[in-house]
Amino acid sequence: MTVEQPDVVDFLSEDPDSGRVVLTISDHLPWTDGGHRKTLEKKVEAYLRFIGGTDLVDRYPDLAERGTAIEIVLEHAPPQEAIAFLENLKDLVKGTGVDFFYLELPSRYRE
């Protein structure tokens, strides 16, 4: 379950504060990888299809009325140009009514 598997939801959880459904993308790719952005875009698009179609509700009917969010957990700190890309992606996703955020994996969880 990684960013490289676009048709797999890496993690699905509930935000305990808001009750919204959070779909997490596990992104281990370095930003020097030329295809990183495209791979990430494909994964986000697949998540939006999962949320917007019937897959989420069919599999988890009790989550139907909750808000949703996409979270990306980045193993590698994004350089400035990648932050601009992520912020643009954030604007596009929020336009669909889905919350979007990203964070760097805390160092204590890295090898």
PDB file of N, CA and C in Angstrom:
ATOM      1  N   MET A   1       0.844  -1.173   0.000  1.00  0.00           N
ATOM      2  CA  MET A   1       0.000   0.000   0.000  1.00  0.00           C
ATOM      3  C   MET A   1       0.891   1.238   0.000  1.00  0.00           C
ATOM      4  N   THR A   2       1.053   1.780  -1.186  1.00  0.00           N
ATOM      5  CA  THR A   2       1.867   2.982  -1.319  1.00  0.00           C
ATOM      6  C   THR A   2       1.300   3.850  -2.428  1.00  0.00           C
ATOM      7  N   VAL A   3       1.912   4.995  -2.582  1.00  0.00           N
ATOM      8  CA  VAL A   3       1.526   5.932  -3.626  1.00  0.00           C
ATOM      9  C   VAL A   3       1.623   5.291  -5.016  1.00  0.00           C
ATOM     10  N   GLU A   4       2.456   4.286  -5.147  1.00  0.00           N
ATOM     11  CA  GLU A   4       2.642   3.630  -6.438  1.00  0.00           C
ATOM     12  C   GLU A   4       1.522   2.652  -6.795  1.00  0.00           C
ATOM     13  N   GLN A   5       0.574   2.456  -5.908  1.00  0.00           N
ATOM     14  CA  GLN A   5      -0.570   1.584  -6.166  1.00  0.00           C
ATOM     15  C   GLN A   5      -1.825   2.453  -6.237  1.00  0.00           C
ATOM     16  N   PRO A   6      -2.127   2.994  -7.401  1.00  0.00           N
ATOM     17  CA  PRO A   6      -3.216   3.974  -7.500  1.00  0.00           C
ATOM     18  C   PRO A   6      -4.603   3.419  -7.198  1.00  0.00           C
ATOM     19  N   ASP A   7      -4.806   2.143  -7.351  1.00  0.00           N
ATOM     20  CA  ASP A   7      -6.140   1.576  -7.143  1.00  0.00           C
ATOM     21  C   ASP A   7      -6.334   0.980  -5.759  1.00  0.00           C
ATOM     22  N   VAL A   8      -5.449   1.312  -4.825  1.00  0.00           N
ATOM     23  CA  VAL A   8      -5.524   0.804  -3.462  1.00  0.00           C
ATOM     24  C   VAL A   8      -5.591   1.987  -2.505  1.00  0.00           C
ATOM     25  N   VAL A   9      -6.543   1.953  -1.579  1.00  0.00           N
ATOM     26  CA  VAL A   9      -6.586   2.959  -0.521  1.00  0.00           C
ATOM     27  C   VAL A   9      -5.594   2.496   0.544  1.00  0.00           C
ATOM     28  N   ASP A  10      -4.569   3.299   0.784  1.00  0.00           N
ATOM     29  CA  ASP A  10      -3.503   2.902   1.706  1.00  0.00           C
ATOM     30  C   ASP A  10      -4.032   2.759   3.135  1.00  0.00           C
ATOM     31  N   PHE A  11      -4.708   3.791   3.618  1.00  0.00           N
ATOM     32  CA  PHE A  11      -5.266   3.768   4.969  1.00  0.00           C
ATOM     33  C   PHE A  11      -6.573   4.543   4.992  1.00  0.00           C
ATOM     34  N   LEU A  12      -7.511   4.066   5.761  1.00  0.00           N
ATOM     35  CA  LEU A  12      -8.778   4.752   5.959  1.00  0.00           C
ATOM     36  C   LEU A  12      -8.994   4.838   7.468  1.00  0.00           C
ATOM     37  N   SER A  13      -9.256   6.057   7.944  1.00  0.00           N
ATOM     38  CA  SER A  13      -9.441   6.232   9.385  1.00  0.00           C
ATOM     39  C   SER A  13     -10.487   7.315   9.631  1.00  0.00           C
ATOM     40  N   GLU A  14     -10.755   7.542  10.897  1.00  0.00           N
ATOM     41  CA  GLU A  14     -11.708   8.575  11.293  1.00  0.00           C
ATOM     42  C   GLU A  14     -10.973   9.627  12.110  1.00  0.00           C
ATOM     43  N   ASP A  15     -11.173  10.882  11.778  1.00  0.00           N
ATOM     44  CA  ASP A  15     -10.633  11.974  12.577  1.00  0.00           C
ATOM     45  C   ASP A  15     -11.464  12.036  13.854  1.00  0.00           C
ATOM     46  N   PRO A  16     -10.854  11.827  15.019  1.00  0.00           N
ATOM     47  CA  PRO A  16     -11.631  11.777  16.252  1.00  0.00           C
ATOM     48  C   PRO A  16     -12.275  13.115  16.629  1.00  0.00           C
ATOM     49  N   ASP A  17     -11.704  14.215  16.156  1.00  0.00           N
ATOM     50  CA  ASP A  17     -12.260  15.532  16.485  1.00  0.00           C
ATOM     51  C   ASP A  17     -13.466  15.896  15.621  1.00  0.00           C
ATOM     52  N   SER A  18     -13.337  15.662  14.315  1.00  0.00           N
ATOM     53  CA  SER A  18     -14.395  16.081  13.396  1.00  0.00           C
ATOM     54  C   SER A  18     -15.328  14.951  12.987  1.00  0.00           C
ATOM     55  N   GLY A  19     -14.883  13.696  13.117  1.00  0.00           N
ATOM     56  CA  GLY A  19     -15.670  12.560  12.665  1.00  0.00           C
ATOM     57  C   GLY A  19     -15.545  12.294  11.179  1.00  0.00           C
ATOM     58  N   ARG A  20     -14.791  13.129  10.476  1.00  0.00           N
ATOM     59  CA  ARG A  20     -14.670  12.930   9.024  1.00  0.00           C
ATOM     60  C   ARG A  20     -13.818  11.706   8.715  1.00  0.00           C
ATOM     61  N   VAL A  21     -14.032  11.166   7.539  1.00  0.00           N
ATOM     62  CA  VAL A  21     -13.293  10.014   7.042  1.00  0.00           C
ATOM     63  C   VAL A  21     -12.003  10.535   6.410  1.00  0.00           C
ATOM     64  N   VAL A  22     -10.880   9.968   6.813  1.00  0.00           N
ATOM     65  CA  VAL A  22      -9.581  10.386   6.289  1.00  0.00           C
ATOM     66  C   VAL A  22      -8.978   9.235   5.506  1.00  0.00           C
ATOM     67  N   LEU A  23      -8.708   9.485   4.239  1.00  0.00           N
ATOM     68  CA  LEU A  23      -8.034   8.519   3.392  1.00  0.00           C
ATOM     69  C   LEU A  23      -6.586   8.985   3.263  1.00  0.00           C
ATOM     70  N   THR A  24      -5.663   8.136   3.698  1.00  0.00           N
ATOM     71  CA  THR A  24      -4.258   8.517   3.749  1.00  0.00           C
ATOM     72  C   THR A  24      -3.477   7.862   2.625  1.00  0.00           C
ATOM     73  N   ILE A  25      -2.618   8.663   2.019  1.00  0.00           N
ATOM     74  CA  ILE A  25      -1.688   8.181   0.996  1.00  0.00           C
ATOM     75  C   ILE A  25      -0.310   8.095   1.639  1.00  0.00           C
ATOM     76  N   SER A  26       0.317   6.948   1.526  1.00  0.00           N
ATOM     77  CA  SER A  26       1.663   6.737   2.032  1.00  0.00           C
ATOM     78  C   SER A  26       2.652   6.991   0.899  1.00  0.00           C
ATOM     79  N   ASP A  27       3.369   8.115   0.992  1.00  0.00           N
ATOM     80  CA  ASP A  27       4.257   8.547  -0.093  1.00  0.00           C
ATOM     81  C   ASP A  27       5.714   8.424   0.349  1.00  0.00           C
ATOM     82  N   HIS A  28       6.385   7.409  -0.155  1.00  0.00           N
ATOM     83  CA  HIS A  28       7.779   7.150   0.183  1.00  0.00           C
ATOM     84  C   HIS A  28       8.760   7.617  -0.886  1.00  0.00           C
ATOM     85  N   LEU A  29       8.262   8.143  -1.986  1.00  0.00           N
ATOM     86  CA  LEU A  29       9.124   8.491  -3.110  1.00  0.00           C
ATOM     87  C   LEU A  29       9.930   9.761  -2.841  1.00  0.00           C
ATOM     88  N   PRO A  30      11.191   9.774  -3.284  1.00  0.00           N
ATOM     89  CA  PRO A  30      11.983  11.002  -3.167  1.00  0.00           C
ATOM     90  C   PRO A  30      11.530  12.010  -4.222  1.00  0.00           C
ATOM     91  N   TRP A  31      11.699  13.280  -3.923  1.00  0.00           N
ATOM     92  CA  TRP A  31      11.266  14.319  -4.859  1.00  0.00           C
ATOM     93  C   TRP A  31      12.184  14.423  -6.066  1.00  0.00           C
ATOM     94  N   THR A  32      13.290  13.697  -6.062  1.00  0.00           N
ATOM     95  CA  THR A  32      14.186  13.658  -7.218  1.00  0.00           C
ATOM     96  C   THR A  32      13.677  12.691  -8.272  1.00  0.00           C
ATOM     97  N   ASP A  33      12.704  11.864  -7.919  1.00  0.00           N
ATOM     98  CA  ASP A  33      12.083  10.924  -8.852  1.00  0.00           C
ATOM     99  C   ASP A  33      11.273  11.724  -9.864  1.00  0.00           C
ATOM    100  N   GLY A  34      11.633  11.633 -11.132  1.00  0.00           N
ATOM    101  CA  GLY A  34      10.974  12.422 -12.170  1.00  0.00           C
ATOM    102  C   GLY A  34       9.487  12.163 -12.311  1.00  0.00           C
ATOM    103  N   GLY A  35       9.024  10.996 -11.947  1.00  0.00           N
ATOM    104  CA  GLY A  35       7.608  10.667 -12.091  1.00  0.00           C
ATOM    105  C   GLY A  35       6.800  10.842 -10.814  1.00  0.00           C
ATOM    106  N   HIS A  36       7.415  11.363  -9.769  1.00  0.00           N
ATOM    107  CA  HIS A  36       6.765  11.474  -8.462  1.00  0.00           C
ATOM    108  C   HIS A  36       5.456  12.248  -8.535  1.00  0.00           C
ATOM    109  N   ARG A  37       5.482  13.408  -9.131  1.00  0.00           N
ATOM    110  CA  ARG A  37       4.269  14.239  -9.188  1.00  0.00           C
ATOM    111  C   ARG A  37       3.142  13.542  -9.928  1.00  0.00           C
ATOM    112  N   LYS A  38       3.452  12.939 -11.054  1.00  0.00           N
ATOM    113  CA  LYS A  38       2.430  12.245 -11.843  1.00  0.00           C
ATOM    114  C   LYS A  38       1.866  11.058 -11.059  1.00  0.00           C
ATOM    115  N   THR A  39       2.731  10.322 -10.388  1.00  0.00           N
ATOM    116  CA  THR A  39       2.295   9.191  -9.572  1.00  0.00           C
ATOM    117  C   THR A  39       1.358   9.661  -8.473  1.00  0.00           C
ATOM    118  N   LEU A  40       1.715  10.763  -7.826  1.00  0.00           N
ATOM    119  CA  LEU A  40       0.891  11.312  -6.756  1.00  0.00           C
ATOM    120  C   LEU A  40      -0.447  11.818  -7.296  1.00  0.00           C
ATOM    121  N   GLU A  41      -0.429  12.472  -8.441  1.00  0.00           N
ATOM    122  CA  GLU A  41      -1.679  12.936  -9.062  1.00  0.00           C
ATOM    123  C   GLU A  41      -2.614  11.763  -9.350  1.00  0.00           C
ATOM    124  N   LYS A  42      -2.078  10.682  -9.893  1.00  0.00           N
ATOM    125  CA  LYS A  42      -2.901   9.501 -10.197  1.00  0.00           C
ATOM    126  C   LYS A  42      -3.533   8.926  -8.934  1.00  0.00           C
ATOM    127  N   LYS A  43      -2.769   8.886  -7.872  1.00  0.00           N
ATOM    128  CA  LYS A  43      -3.278   8.338  -6.614  1.00  0.00           C
ATOM    129  C   LYS A  43      -4.396   9.225  -6.065  1.00  0.00           C
ATOM    130  N   VAL A  44      -4.191  10.546  -6.091  1.00  0.00           N
ATOM    131  CA  VAL A  44      -5.213  11.472  -5.594  1.00  0.00           C
ATOM    132  C   VAL A  44      -6.473  11.362  -6.450  1.00  0.00           C
ATOM    133  N   GLU A  45      -6.327  11.268  -7.759  1.00  0.00           N
ATOM    134  CA  GLU A  45      -7.485  11.106  -8.644  1.00  0.00           C
ATOM    135  C   GLU A  45      -8.244   9.820  -8.316  1.00  0.00           C
ATOM    136  N   ALA A  46      -7.518   8.735  -8.041  1.00  0.00           N
ATOM    137  CA  ALA A  46      -8.164   7.472  -7.679  1.00  0.00           C
ATOM    138  C   ALA A  46      -8.914   7.605  -6.359  1.00  0.00           C
ATOM    139  N   TYR A  47      -8.344   8.314  -5.407  1.00  0.00           N
ATOM    140  CA  TYR A  47      -9.024   8.538  -4.131  1.00  0.00           C
ATOM    141  C   TYR A  47     -10.293   9.359  -4.340  1.00  0.00           C
ATOM    142  N   LEU A  48     -10.222  10.365  -5.189  1.00  0.00           N
ATOM    143  CA  LEU A  48     -11.415  11.178  -5.450  1.00  0.00           C
ATOM    144  C   LEU A  48     -12.513  10.348  -6.109  1.00  0.00           C
ATOM    145  N   ARG A  49     -12.142   9.433  -6.997  1.00  0.00           N
ATOM    146  CA  ARG A  49     -13.135   8.535  -7.600  1.00  0.00           C
ATOM    147  C   ARG A  49     -13.737   7.623  -6.546  1.00  0.00           C
ATOM    148  N   PHE A  50     -12.910   7.119  -5.648  1.00  0.00           N
ATOM    149  CA  PHE A  50     -13.378   6.256  -4.570  1.00  0.00           C
ATOM    150  C   PHE A  50     -14.375   6.999  -3.678  1.00  0.00           C
ATOM    151  N   ILE A  51     -14.064   8.236  -3.368  1.00  0.00           N
ATOM    152  CA  ILE A  51     -14.934   9.048  -2.515  1.00  0.00           C
ATOM    153  C   ILE A  51     -16.198   9.459  -3.260  1.00  0.00           C
ATOM    154  N   GLY A  52     -16.044   9.901  -4.487  1.00  0.00           N
ATOM    155  CA  GLY A  52     -17.159  10.449  -5.251  1.00  0.00           C
ATOM    156  C   GLY A  52     -18.088   9.421  -5.851  1.00  0.00           C
ATOM    157  N   GLY A  53     -17.600   8.226  -6.028  1.00  0.00           N
ATOM    158  CA  GLY A  53     -18.444   7.168  -6.582  1.00  0.00           C
ATOM    159  C   GLY A  53     -19.197   6.468  -5.463  1.00  0.00           C
ATOM    160  N   THR A  54     -19.492   5.222  -5.685  1.00  0.00           N
ATOM    161  CA  THR A  54     -20.239   4.474  -4.665  1.00  0.00           C
ATOM    162  C   THR A  54     -19.338   3.573  -3.825  1.00  0.00           C
ATOM    163  N   ASP A  55     -18.057   3.487  -4.157  1.00  0.00           N
ATOM    164  CA  ASP A  55     -17.162   2.558  -3.456  1.00  0.00           C
ATOM    165  C   ASP A  55     -17.123   2.797  -1.955  1.00  0.00           C
ATOM    166  N   LEU A  56     -16.917   4.031  -1.539  1.00  0.00           N
ATOM    167  CA  LEU A  56     -16.811   4.329  -0.109  1.00  0.00           C
ATOM    168  C   LEU A  56     -18.099   3.971   0.624  1.00  0.00           C
ATOM    169  N   VAL A  57     -19.224   4.411   0.084  1.00  0.00           N
ATOM    170  CA  VAL A  57     -20.518   4.165   0.732  1.00  0.00           C
ATOM    171  C   VAL A  57     -20.886   2.682   0.690  1.00  0.00           C
ATOM    172  N   ASP A  58     -20.596   2.011  -0.422  1.00  0.00           N
ATOM    173  CA  ASP A  58     -20.902   0.582  -0.519  1.00  0.00           C
ATOM    174  C   ASP A  58     -20.114  -0.235   0.505  1.00  0.00           C
ATOM    175  N   ARG A  59     -18.854   0.110   0.673  1.00  0.00           N
ATOM    176  CA  ARG A  59     -18.004  -0.654   1.588  1.00  0.00           C
ATOM    177  C   ARG A  59     -18.204  -0.257   3.050  1.00  0.00           C
ATOM    178  N   TYR A  60     -18.503   1.021   3.258  1.00  0.00           N
ATOM    179  CA  TYR A  60     -18.628   1.538   4.628  1.00  0.00           C
ATOM    180  C   TYR A  60     -19.884   2.401   4.728  1.00  0.00           C
ATOM    181  N   PRO A  61     -21.068   1.790   4.726  1.00  0.00           N
ATOM    182  CA  PRO A  61     -22.315   2.561   4.705  1.00  0.00           C
ATOM    183  C   PRO A  61     -22.481   3.500   5.898  1.00  0.00           C
ATOM    184  N   ASP A  62     -21.904   3.170   7.035  1.00  0.00           N
ATOM    185  CA  ASP A  62     -22.031   4.033   8.210  1.00  0.00           C
ATOM    186  C   ASP A  62     -21.223   5.326   8.082  1.00  0.00           C
ATOM    187  N   LEU A  63     -20.384   5.429   7.054  1.00  0.00           N
ATOM    188  CA  LEU A  63     -19.576   6.629   6.840  1.00  0.00           C
ATOM    189  C   LEU A  63     -20.191   7.567   5.805  1.00  0.00           C
ATOM    190  N   ALA A  64     -21.344   7.226   5.300  1.00  0.00           N
ATOM    191  CA  ALA A  64     -21.947   7.947   4.175  1.00  0.00           C
ATOM    192  C   ALA A  64     -22.174   9.427   4.428  1.00  0.00           C
ATOM    193  N   GLU A  65     -22.555   9.802   5.607  1.00  0.00           N
ATOM    194  CA  GLU A  65     -22.916  11.193   5.874  1.00  0.00           C
ATOM    195  C   GLU A  65     -21.779  12.021   6.467  1.00  0.00           C
ATOM    196  N   ARG A  66     -20.609  11.485   6.501  1.00  0.00           N
ATOM    197  CA  ARG A  66     -19.479  12.195   7.094  1.00  0.00           C
ATOM    198  C   ARG A  66     -18.687  12.949   6.037  1.00  0.00           C
ATOM    199  N   GLY A  67     -18.006  13.962   6.455  1.00  0.00           N
ATOM    200  CA  GLY A  67     -17.093  14.651   5.553  1.00  0.00           C
ATOM    201  C   GLY A  67     -15.900  13.756   5.253  1.00  0.00           C
ATOM    202  N   THR A  68     -15.147  14.120   4.221  1.00  0.00           N
ATOM    203  CA  THR A  68     -13.988  13.321   3.844  1.00  0.00           C
ATOM    204  C   THR A  68     -12.767  14.216   3.667  1.00  0.00           C
ATOM    205  N   ALA A  69     -11.616  13.589   3.832  1.00  0.00           N
ATOM    206  CA  ALA A  69     -10.344  14.280   3.641  1.00  0.00           C
ATOM    207  C   ALA A  69      -9.344  13.310   3.038  1.00  0.00           C
ATOM    208  N   ILE A  70      -8.440  13.866   2.266  1.00  0.00           N
ATOM    209  CA  ILE A  70      -7.294  13.114   1.755  1.00  0.00           C
ATOM    210  C   ILE A  70      -6.064  13.680   2.452  1.00  0.00           C
ATOM    211  N   GLU A  71      -5.285  12.779   3.012  1.00  0.00           N
ATOM    212  CA  GLU A  71      -4.057  13.153   3.715  1.00  0.00           C
ATOM    213  C   GLU A  71      -2.896  12.445   3.026  1.00  0.00           C
ATOM    214  N   ILE A  72      -1.819  13.176   2.784  1.00  0.00           N
ATOM    215  CA  ILE A  72      -0.614  12.569   2.230  1.00  0.00           C
ATOM    216  C   ILE A  72       0.469  12.631   3.301  1.00  0.00           C
ATOM    217  N   VAL A  73       1.032  11.478   3.631  1.00  0.00           N
ATOM    218  CA  VAL A  73       2.147  11.425   4.567  1.00  0.00           C
ATOM    219  C   VAL A  73       3.412  11.215   3.739  1.00  0.00           C
ATOM    220  N   LEU A  74       4.279  12.214   3.775  1.00  0.00           N
ATOM    221  CA  LEU A  74       5.485  12.247   2.944  1.00  0.00           C
ATOM    222  C   LEU A  74       6.692  11.743   3.725  1.00  0.00           C
ATOM    223  N   GLU A  75       7.388  10.772   3.177  1.00  0.00           N
ATOM    224  CA  GLU A  75       8.613  10.307   3.827  1.00  0.00           C
ATOM    225  C   GLU A  75       9.731  11.325   3.655  1.00  0.00           C
ATOM    226  N   HIS A  76       9.730  12.018   2.532  1.00  0.00           N
ATOM    227  CA  HIS A  76      10.794  12.979   2.231  1.00  0.00           C
ATOM    228  C   HIS A  76      10.244  14.401   2.241  1.00  0.00           C
ATOM    229  N   ALA A  77      10.992  15.289   2.867  1.00  0.00           N
ATOM    230  CA  ALA A  77      10.591  16.699   2.922  1.00  0.00           C
ATOM    231  C   ALA A  77      10.494  17.255   1.508  1.00  0.00           C
ATOM    232  N   PRO A  78       9.385  17.924   1.194  1.00  0.00           N
ATOM    233  CA  PRO A  78       9.240  18.466  -0.152  1.00  0.00           C
ATOM    234  C   PRO A  78      10.056  19.755  -0.328  1.00  0.00           C
ATOM    235  N   PRO A  79      10.779  19.874  -1.444  1.00  0.00           N
ATOM    236  CA  PRO A  79      11.457  21.136  -1.737  1.00  0.00           C
ATOM    237  C   PRO A  79      10.414  22.203  -2.101  1.00  0.00           C
ATOM    238  N   GLN A  80      10.844  23.421  -2.226  1.00  0.00           N
ATOM    239  CA  GLN A  80       9.921  24.535  -2.444  1.00  0.00           C
ATOM    240  C   GLN A  80       9.015  24.326  -3.657  1.00  0.00           C
ATOM    241  N   GLU A  81       9.554  23.832  -4.759  1.00  0.00           N
ATOM    242  CA  GLU A  81       8.718  23.630  -5.952  1.00  0.00           C
ATOM    243  C   GLU A  81       7.682  22.525  -5.730  1.00  0.00           C
ATOM    244  N   ALA A  82       8.022  21.546  -4.900  1.00  0.00           N
ATOM    245  CA  ALA A  82       7.059  20.489  -4.576  1.00  0.00           C
ATOM    246  C   ALA A  82       5.963  21.022  -3.659  1.00  0.00           C
ATOM    247  N   ILE A  83       6.313  21.941  -2.772  1.00  0.00           N
ATOM    248  CA  ILE A  83       5.300  22.561  -1.915  1.00  0.00           C
ATOM    249  C   ILE A  83       4.304  23.333  -2.773  1.00  0.00           C
ATOM    250  N   ALA A  84       4.793  24.039  -3.776  1.00  0.00           N
ATOM    251  CA  ALA A  84       3.902  24.752  -4.694  1.00  0.00           C
ATOM    252  C   ALA A  84       2.974  23.766  -5.403  1.00  0.00           C
ATOM    253  N   PHE A  85       3.507  22.634  -5.835  1.00  0.00           N
ATOM    254  CA  PHE A  85       2.706  21.590  -6.473  1.00  0.00           C
ATOM    255  C   PHE A  85       1.639  21.066  -5.517  1.00  0.00           C
ATOM    256  N   LEU A  86       2.032  20.781  -4.281  1.00  0.00           N
ATOM    257  CA  LEU A  86       1.092  20.256  -3.287  1.00  0.00           C
ATOM    258  C   LEU A  86       0.006  21.270  -2.944  1.00  0.00           C
ATOM    259  N   GLU A  87       0.359  22.531  -2.872  1.00  0.00           N
ATOM    260  CA  GLU A  87      -0.635  23.567  -2.584  1.00  0.00           C
ATOM    261  C   GLU A  87      -1.624  23.710  -3.746  1.00  0.00           C
ATOM    262  N   ASN A  88      -1.145  23.581  -4.964  1.00  0.00           N
ATOM    263  CA  ASN A  88      -2.031  23.607  -6.131  1.00  0.00           C
ATOM    264  C   ASN A  88      -2.967  22.397  -6.110  1.00  0.00           C
ATOM    265  N   LEU A  89      -2.427  21.244  -5.787  1.00  0.00           N
ATOM    266  CA  LEU A  89      -3.223  20.029  -5.671  1.00  0.00           C
ATOM    267  C   LEU A  89      -4.280  20.198  -4.571  1.00  0.00           C
ATOM    268  N   LYS A  90      -3.895  20.817  -3.488  1.00  0.00           N
ATOM    269  CA  LYS A  90      -4.811  21.094  -2.380  1.00  0.00           C
ATOM    270  C   LYS A  90      -5.991  21.938  -2.849  1.00  0.00           C
ATOM    271  N   ASP A  91      -5.709  22.987  -3.618  1.00  0.00           N
ATOM    272  CA  ASP A  91      -6.776  23.844  -4.144  1.00  0.00           C
ATOM    273  C   ASP A  91      -7.717  23.062  -5.055  1.00  0.00           C
ATOM    274  N   LEU A  92      -7.158  22.207  -5.904  1.00  0.00           N
ATOM    275  CA  LEU A  92      -7.984  21.414  -6.816  1.00  0.00           C
ATOM    276  C   LEU A  92      -8.872  20.438  -6.055  1.00  0.00           C
ATOM    277  N   VAL A  93      -8.321  19.762  -5.067  1.00  0.00           N
ATOM    278  CA  VAL A  93      -9.094  18.784  -4.300  1.00  0.00           C
ATOM    279  C   VAL A  93     -10.174  19.483  -3.486  1.00  0.00           C
ATOM    280  N   LYS A  94      -9.833  20.587  -2.860  1.00  0.00           N
ATOM    281  CA  LYS A  94     -10.826  21.297  -2.044  1.00  0.00           C
ATOM    282  C   LYS A  94     -11.995  21.767  -2.896  1.00  0.00           C
ATOM    283  N   GLY A  95     -11.750  22.009  -4.187  1.00  0.00           N
ATOM    284  CA  GLY A  95     -12.821  22.386  -5.103  1.00  0.00           C
ATOM    285  C   GLY A  95     -13.851  21.288  -5.287  1.00  0.00           C
ATOM    286  N   THR A  96     -13.531  20.067  -4.898  1.00  0.00           N
ATOM    287  CA  THR A  96     -14.473  18.946  -5.002  1.00  0.00           C
ATOM    288  C   THR A  96     -15.258  18.749  -3.709  1.00  0.00           C
ATOM    289  N   GLY A  97     -14.925  19.549  -2.693  1.00  0.00           N
ATOM    290  CA  GLY A  97     -15.598  19.408  -1.405  1.00  0.00           C
ATOM    291  C   GLY A  97     -14.902  18.453  -0.449  1.00  0.00           C
ATOM    292  N   VAL A  98     -13.747  17.979  -0.833  1.00  0.00           N
ATOM    293  CA  VAL A  98     -12.958  17.071  -0.003  1.00  0.00           C
ATOM    294  C   VAL A  98     -11.810  17.876   0.605  1.00  0.00           C
ATOM    295  N   ASP A  99     -11.609  17.727   1.909  1.00  0.00           N
ATOM    296  CA  ASP A  99     -10.474  18.392   2.541  1.00  0.00           C
ATOM    297  C   ASP A  99      -9.187  17.703   2.111  1.00  0.00           C
ATOM    298  N   PHE A 100      -8.088  18.446   2.178  1.00  0.00           N
ATOM    299  CA  PHE A 100      -6.812  17.920   1.719  1.00  0.00           C
ATOM    300  C   PHE A 100      -5.706  18.499   2.587  1.00  0.00           C
ATOM    301  N   PHE A 101      -4.818  17.634   3.031  1.00  0.00           N
ATOM    302  CA  PHE A 101      -3.641  18.126   3.733  1.00  0.00           C
ATOM    303  C   PHE A 101      -2.502  17.136   3.568  1.00  0.00           C
ATOM    304  N   TYR A 102      -1.316  17.611   3.832  1.00  0.00           N
ATOM    305  CA  TYR A 102      -0.126  16.781   3.725  1.00  0.00           C
ATOM    306  C   TYR A 102       0.792  17.102   4.891  1.00  0.00           C
ATOM    307  N   LEU A 103       1.594  16.112   5.244  1.00  0.00           N
ATOM    308  CA  LEU A 103       2.545  16.301   6.325  1.00  0.00           C
ATOM    309  C   LEU A 103       3.735  15.395   6.109  1.00  0.00           C
ATOM    310  N   GLU A 104       4.844  15.792   6.697  1.00  0.00           N
ATOM    311  CA  GLU A 104       6.043  14.991   6.600  1.00  0.00           C
ATOM    312  C   GLU A 104       6.032  13.936   7.705  1.00  0.00           C
ATOM    313  N   LEU A 105       6.419  12.746   7.371  1.00  0.00           N
ATOM    314  CA  LEU A 105       6.509  11.656   8.331  1.00  0.00           C
ATOM    315  C   LEU A 105       7.490  12.062   9.430  1.00  0.00           C
ATOM    316  N   PRO A 106       7.090  11.982  10.690  1.00  0.00           N
ATOM    317  CA  PRO A 106       8.023  12.338  11.767  1.00  0.00           C
ATOM    318  C   PRO A 106       9.283  11.486  11.711  1.00  0.00           C
ATOM    319  N   SER A 107      10.403  12.073  12.024  1.00  0.00           N
ATOM    320  CA  SER A 107      11.698  11.405  11.903  1.00  0.00           C
ATOM    321  C   SER A 107      11.782  10.128  12.740  1.00  0.00           C
ATOM    322  N   ARG A 108      11.050  10.062  13.839  1.00  0.00           N
ATOM    323  CA  ARG A 108      11.120   8.856  14.680  1.00  0.00           C
ATOM    324  C   ARG A 108      10.550   7.619  13.983  1.00  0.00           C
ATOM    325  N   TYR A 109       9.803   7.805  12.884  1.00  0.00           N
ATOM    326  CA  TYR A 109       9.230   6.679  12.148  1.00  0.00           C
ATOM    327  C   TYR A 109      10.048   6.297  10.919  1.00  0.00           C
ATOM    328  N   ARG A 110      11.113   7.027  10.671  1.00  0.00           N
ATOM    329  CA  ARG A 110      11.962   6.717   9.518  1.00  0.00           C
ATOM    330  C   ARG A 110      13.122   5.816   9.954  1.00  0.00           C
ATOM    331  N   GLU A 111      13.633   5.092   8.996  1.00  0.00           N
ATOM    332  CA  GLU A 111      14.775   4.207   9.315  1.00  0.00           C
ATOM    333  C   GLU A 111      16.001   5.028   9.576  1.00  0.00           C
TER     334      GLU A 111
END
